[in-house]
Structures are given as structure tokens and as C-alpha cells.
Amino acid sequence: MDTAALVEESFEHIKENKEIFITSFYSNLFDLAPEVKPLFSNVDKIKQGEKLYNSLLLLVENLKNPELLSDVLSSLGKDHISYGTQLQHYPVVGECLIQTFKSILKENWDIETETAWLETYNVVVNLMTTKN
């Protein structure tokens, strides 16, 4: 199965567990990188969780539309700079995403799916950081 298909298929299971995914992701993030917690101090946690989920949904739904993703992710990268995001935060976020996917997907998670998400996340980070 190709990368896009693995990412799309695995995200179907996340849709069924959206709230658990969001809660787990931020719990993992703040455990792994407590120094980022102040970046979220003035943020509505529910709205932020929705933004995260909707960004992932947009990504998954447009994996085969790189032009759209390039523009959206470049803009998102600029937004994150204004929020105080630094380059060293991206690997931690990637680790949290993988950890969260793995914990929710359980038997639906394997090395091929992990590799697909890691490849996808690396493309996302590249698009978010190279034009900014």
C-alpha cells in the first residue's frame, strides 16, 4: 500500500476517536515538552484541539493535491512562527503525533503505517518551515 493510502486508512480510525486523539496528543505534548505549555496559555483548549484535528483532516484529504497543501502549510508555518513556535518544537510534535496514533490505533498500527506518517510529517514540516 502506498504512503497516502496508509495515512488515509489509519486516519479513518482516528475519526472514530477524535476527542480521545486530541486529549491524548496534548497530554503527550505537555509531558514530553513542558516548555511549550506557555505557548498555549491564552488559547481555548477546545478550539485548539479542533484546529489540530481539522488540520490533520485537511492534510489527509489532500495528500494527492500538493499545490493546495503547499500553500496551506506555508501559511500555517508563518502562523506558528507568530505563536512562538521554534524549529526544535517540530520533532517533538512529530514524536507526540506518532505516540498518539500508536496508542489509539493499537492493532491497526504497524511499521508501514508509522513510516507513512513519518514521511508525511517530514513533508509537512518541510513545507511549513522552508518558505518562512
C-alpha atoms as a PDB file:
ATOM      1  CA  MET A   1       0.000   0.000   0.000  1.00  0.00           C
ATOM      2  CA  ASP A   2       1.341   3.460  -0.799  1.00  0.00           C
ATOM      3  CA  THR A   3       2.036   6.188   1.750  1.00  0.00           C
ATOM      4  CA  ALA A   4      -1.117   8.198   1.064  1.00  0.00           C
ATOM      5  CA  ALA A   5      -3.333   5.111   1.300  1.00  0.00           C
ATOM      6  CA  LEU A   6      -1.787   4.076   4.629  1.00  0.00           C
ATOM      7  CA  VAL A   7      -2.216   7.573   6.066  1.00  0.00           C
ATOM      8  CA  GLU A   8      -5.808   7.824   4.813  1.00  0.00           C
ATOM      9  CA  GLU A   9      -6.761   4.371   6.074  1.00  0.00           C
ATOM     10  CA  SER A  10      -5.243   4.884   9.516  1.00  0.00           C
ATOM     11  CA  PHE A  11      -6.875   8.298   9.900  1.00  0.00           C
ATOM     12  CA  GLU A  12     -10.306   6.711   9.415  1.00  0.00           C
ATOM     13  CA  HIS A  13      -9.789   5.095  12.832  1.00  0.00           C
ATOM     14  CA  ILE A  14      -8.783   8.439  14.316  1.00  0.00           C
ATOM     15  CA  LYS A  15     -12.065   9.966  13.123  1.00  0.00           C
ATOM     16  CA  GLU A  16     -13.892   7.441  15.306  1.00  0.00           C
ATOM     17  CA  ASN A  17     -11.793   8.525  18.309  1.00  0.00           C
ATOM     18  CA  LYS A  18     -11.420  12.245  17.670  1.00  0.00           C
ATOM     19  CA  GLU A  19     -11.799  13.512  21.249  1.00  0.00           C
ATOM     20  CA  ILE A  20      -9.516  10.824  22.654  1.00  0.00           C
ATOM     21  CA  PHE A  21      -6.938  11.639  19.987  1.00  0.00           C
ATOM     22  CA  ILE A  22      -6.983  15.372  20.765  1.00  0.00           C
ATOM     23  CA  THR A  23      -6.782  14.884  24.534  1.00  0.00           C
ATOM     24  CA  SER A  24      -4.028  12.284  24.219  1.00  0.00           C
ATOM     25  CA  PHE A  25      -1.992  14.387  21.813  1.00  0.00           C
ATOM     26  CA  TYR A  26      -1.870  17.437  24.087  1.00  0.00           C
ATOM     27  CA  SER A  27      -1.240  15.301  27.161  1.00  0.00           C
ATOM     28  CA  ASN A  28       1.682  13.655  25.350  1.00  0.00           C
ATOM     29  CA  LEU A  29       2.950  17.012  24.112  1.00  0.00           C
ATOM     30  CA  PHE A  30       2.953  18.653  27.534  1.00  0.00           C
ATOM     31  CA  ASP A  31       4.543  15.576  29.128  1.00  0.00           C
ATOM     32  CA  LEU A  32       7.306  15.403  26.524  1.00  0.00           C
ATOM     33  CA  ALA A  33       7.847  19.146  26.171  1.00  0.00           C
ATOM     34  CA  PRO A  34       6.529  21.061  29.178  1.00  0.00           C
ATOM     35  CA  GLU A  35       8.381  24.127  27.905  1.00  0.00           C
ATOM     36  CA  VAL A  36       5.744  24.567  25.163  1.00  0.00           C
ATOM     37  CA  LYS A  37       2.860  24.788  27.626  1.00  0.00           C
ATOM     38  CA  PRO A  38       3.140  28.618  27.876  1.00  0.00           C
ATOM     39  CA  LEU A  39       2.520  28.832  24.109  1.00  0.00           C
ATOM     40  CA  PHE A  40      -0.994  27.570  24.845  1.00  0.00           C
ATOM     41  CA  SER A  41      -1.719  29.665  27.948  1.00  0.00           C
ATOM     42  CA  ASN A  42      -4.073  32.097  26.204  1.00  0.00           C
ATOM     43  CA  VAL A  43      -5.626  29.504  23.903  1.00  0.00           C
ATOM     44  CA  ASP A  44      -9.082  27.984  24.114  1.00  0.00           C
ATOM     45  CA  LYS A  45      -8.181  24.302  24.529  1.00  0.00           C
ATOM     46  CA  ILE A  46     -11.317  23.040  22.771  1.00  0.00           C
ATOM     47  CA  LYS A  47     -10.833  25.325  19.768  1.00  0.00           C
ATOM     48  CA  GLN A  48      -7.133  24.436  19.622  1.00  0.00           C
ATOM     49  CA  GLY A  49      -7.968  20.738  19.590  1.00  0.00           C
ATOM     50  CA  GLU A  50     -10.421  21.322  16.757  1.00  0.00           C
ATOM     51  CA  LYS A  51      -7.764  23.236  14.811  1.00  0.00           C
ATOM     52  CA  LEU A  52      -5.318  20.365  15.225  1.00  0.00           C
ATOM     53  CA  TYR A  53      -7.861  17.785  14.132  1.00  0.00           C
ATOM     54  CA  ASN A  54      -9.087  19.876  11.191  1.00  0.00           C
ATOM     55  CA  SER A  55      -5.505  20.491  10.037  1.00  0.00           C
ATOM     56  CA  LEU A  56      -4.830  16.748  10.058  1.00  0.00           C
ATOM     57  CA  LEU A  57      -8.112  16.116   8.251  1.00  0.00           C
ATOM     58  CA  LEU A  58      -7.215  18.694   5.578  1.00  0.00           C
ATOM     59  CA  LEU A  59      -3.805  17.094   5.218  1.00  0.00           C
ATOM     60  CA  VAL A  60      -5.190  13.582   4.849  1.00  0.00           C
ATOM     61  CA  GLU A  61      -7.916  14.636   2.418  1.00  0.00           C
ATOM     62  CA  ASN A  62      -5.439  16.494   0.209  1.00  0.00           C
ATOM     63  CA  LEU A  63      -2.411  14.230   0.145  1.00  0.00           C
ATOM     64  CA  LYS A  64      -2.826  13.966  -3.599  1.00  0.00           C
ATOM     65  CA  ASN A  65      -3.213  17.731  -4.037  1.00  0.00           C
ATOM     66  CA  PRO A  66       0.305  19.001  -3.266  1.00  0.00           C
ATOM     67  CA  GLU A  67      -0.255  22.509  -4.638  1.00  0.00           C
ATOM     68  CA  LEU A  68      -3.038  23.201  -2.156  1.00  0.00           C
ATOM     69  CA  LEU A  69      -1.090  21.652   0.700  1.00  0.00           C
ATOM     70  CA  SER A  70       1.995  23.666  -0.127  1.00  0.00           C
ATOM     71  CA  ASP A  71       0.125  26.970   0.122  1.00  0.00           C
ATOM     72  CA  VAL A  72      -1.838  25.989   3.235  1.00  0.00           C
ATOM     73  CA  LEU A  73       1.181  24.596   5.071  1.00  0.00           C
ATOM     74  CA  SER A  74       3.382  27.551   4.193  1.00  0.00           C
ATOM     75  CA  SER A  75       0.739  29.862   5.658  1.00  0.00           C
ATOM     76  CA  LEU A  76       0.358  27.619   8.702  1.00  0.00           C
ATOM     77  CA  GLY A  77       4.116  27.751   9.209  1.00  0.00           C
ATOM     78  CA  LYS A  78       4.047  31.547   9.218  1.00  0.00           C
ATOM     79  CA  ASP A  79       1.209  31.481  11.755  1.00  0.00           C
ATOM     80  CA  HIS A  80       3.177  29.153  14.007  1.00  0.00           C
ATOM     81  CA  ILE A  81       6.187  31.481  13.958  1.00  0.00           C
ATOM     82  CA  SER A  82       3.938  34.279  15.206  1.00  0.00           C
ATOM     83  CA  TYR A  83       2.712  31.973  18.017  1.00  0.00           C
ATOM     84  CA  GLY A  84       6.292  31.415  19.164  1.00  0.00           C
ATOM     85  CA  THR A  85       6.904  28.013  17.606  1.00  0.00           C
ATOM     86  CA  GLN A  86      10.592  27.239  17.100  1.00  0.00           C
ATOM     87  CA  LEU A  87      12.254  24.712  14.807  1.00  0.00           C
ATOM     88  CA  GLN A  88      13.162  22.450  17.727  1.00  0.00           C
ATOM     89  CA  HIS A  89       9.446  22.028  18.523  1.00  0.00           C
ATOM     90  CA  TYR A  90       8.689  20.194  15.276  1.00  0.00           C
ATOM     91  CA  PRO A  91      10.460  16.909  16.118  1.00  0.00           C
ATOM     92  CA  VAL A  92       8.698  16.809  19.498  1.00  0.00           C
ATOM     93  CA  VAL A  93       5.310  17.374  17.870  1.00  0.00           C
ATOM     94  CA  GLY A  94       6.109  14.610  15.379  1.00  0.00           C
ATOM     95  CA  GLU A  95       7.026  12.260  18.207  1.00  0.00           C
ATOM     96  CA  CYS A  96       3.775  13.126  20.010  1.00  0.00           C
ATOM     97  CA  LEU A  97       1.728  12.515  16.876  1.00  0.00           C
ATOM     98  CA  ILE A  98       3.299   9.089  16.356  1.00  0.00           C
ATOM     99  CA  GLN A  99       2.903   8.209  20.027  1.00  0.00           C
ATOM    100  CA  THR A 100      -0.750   9.280  19.955  1.00  0.00           C
ATOM    101  CA  PHE A 101      -1.545   7.462  16.715  1.00  0.00           C
ATOM    102  CA  LYS A 102       0.120   4.321  18.027  1.00  0.00           C
ATOM    103  CA  SER A 103      -1.805   4.402  21.320  1.00  0.00           C
ATOM    104  CA  ILE A 104      -5.172   4.837  19.621  1.00  0.00           C
ATOM    105  CA  LEU A 105      -4.717   2.662  16.563  1.00  0.00           C
ATOM    106  CA  LYS A 106      -3.208  -0.268  18.510  1.00  0.00           C
ATOM    107  CA  GLU A 107      -3.701  -3.343  16.280  1.00  0.00           C
ATOM    108  CA  ASN A 108      -4.210  -1.089  13.254  1.00  0.00           C
ATOM    109  CA  TRP A 109      -0.695   0.334  13.710  1.00  0.00           C
ATOM    110  CA  ASP A 110       2.353  -1.277  12.141  1.00  0.00           C
ATOM    111  CA  ILE A 111       5.789  -0.274  10.900  1.00  0.00           C
ATOM    112  CA  GLU A 112       4.473   0.551   7.418  1.00  0.00           C
ATOM    113  CA  THR A 113       1.833   2.890   8.839  1.00  0.00           C
ATOM    114  CA  GLU A 114       4.392   4.514  11.129  1.00  0.00           C
ATOM    115  CA  THR A 115       6.766   5.018   8.214  1.00  0.00           C
ATOM    116  CA  ALA A 116       3.966   6.531   6.123  1.00  0.00           C
ATOM    117  CA  TRP A 117       3.086   9.014   8.872  1.00  0.00           C
ATOM    118  CA  LEU A 118       6.748   9.883   9.485  1.00  0.00           C
ATOM    119  CA  GLU A 119       7.281  10.541   5.776  1.00  0.00           C
ATOM    120  CA  THR A 120       4.109  12.623   5.626  1.00  0.00           C
ATOM    121  CA  TYR A 121       5.038  14.591   8.740  1.00  0.00           C
ATOM    122  CA  ASN A 122       8.515  15.311   7.361  1.00  0.00           C
ATOM    123  CA  VAL A 123       6.960  16.723   4.189  1.00  0.00           C
ATOM    124  CA  VAL A 124       4.606  18.844   6.316  1.00  0.00           C
ATOM    125  CA  VAL A 125       7.471  20.228   8.397  1.00  0.00           C
ATOM    126  CA  ASN A 126       9.474  20.972   5.276  1.00  0.00           C
ATOM    127  CA  LEU A 127       6.572  22.882   3.724  1.00  0.00           C
ATOM    128  CA  MET A 128       5.883  24.754   6.966  1.00  0.00           C
ATOM    129  CA  THR A 129       9.471  25.828   7.541  1.00  0.00           C
ATOM    130  CA  THR A 130      11.244  26.314   4.209  1.00  0.00           C
ATOM    131  CA  LYS A 131       9.350  29.332   2.904  1.00  0.00           C
ATOM    132  CA  ASN A 132       9.234  31.153   6.217  1.00  0.00           C
END
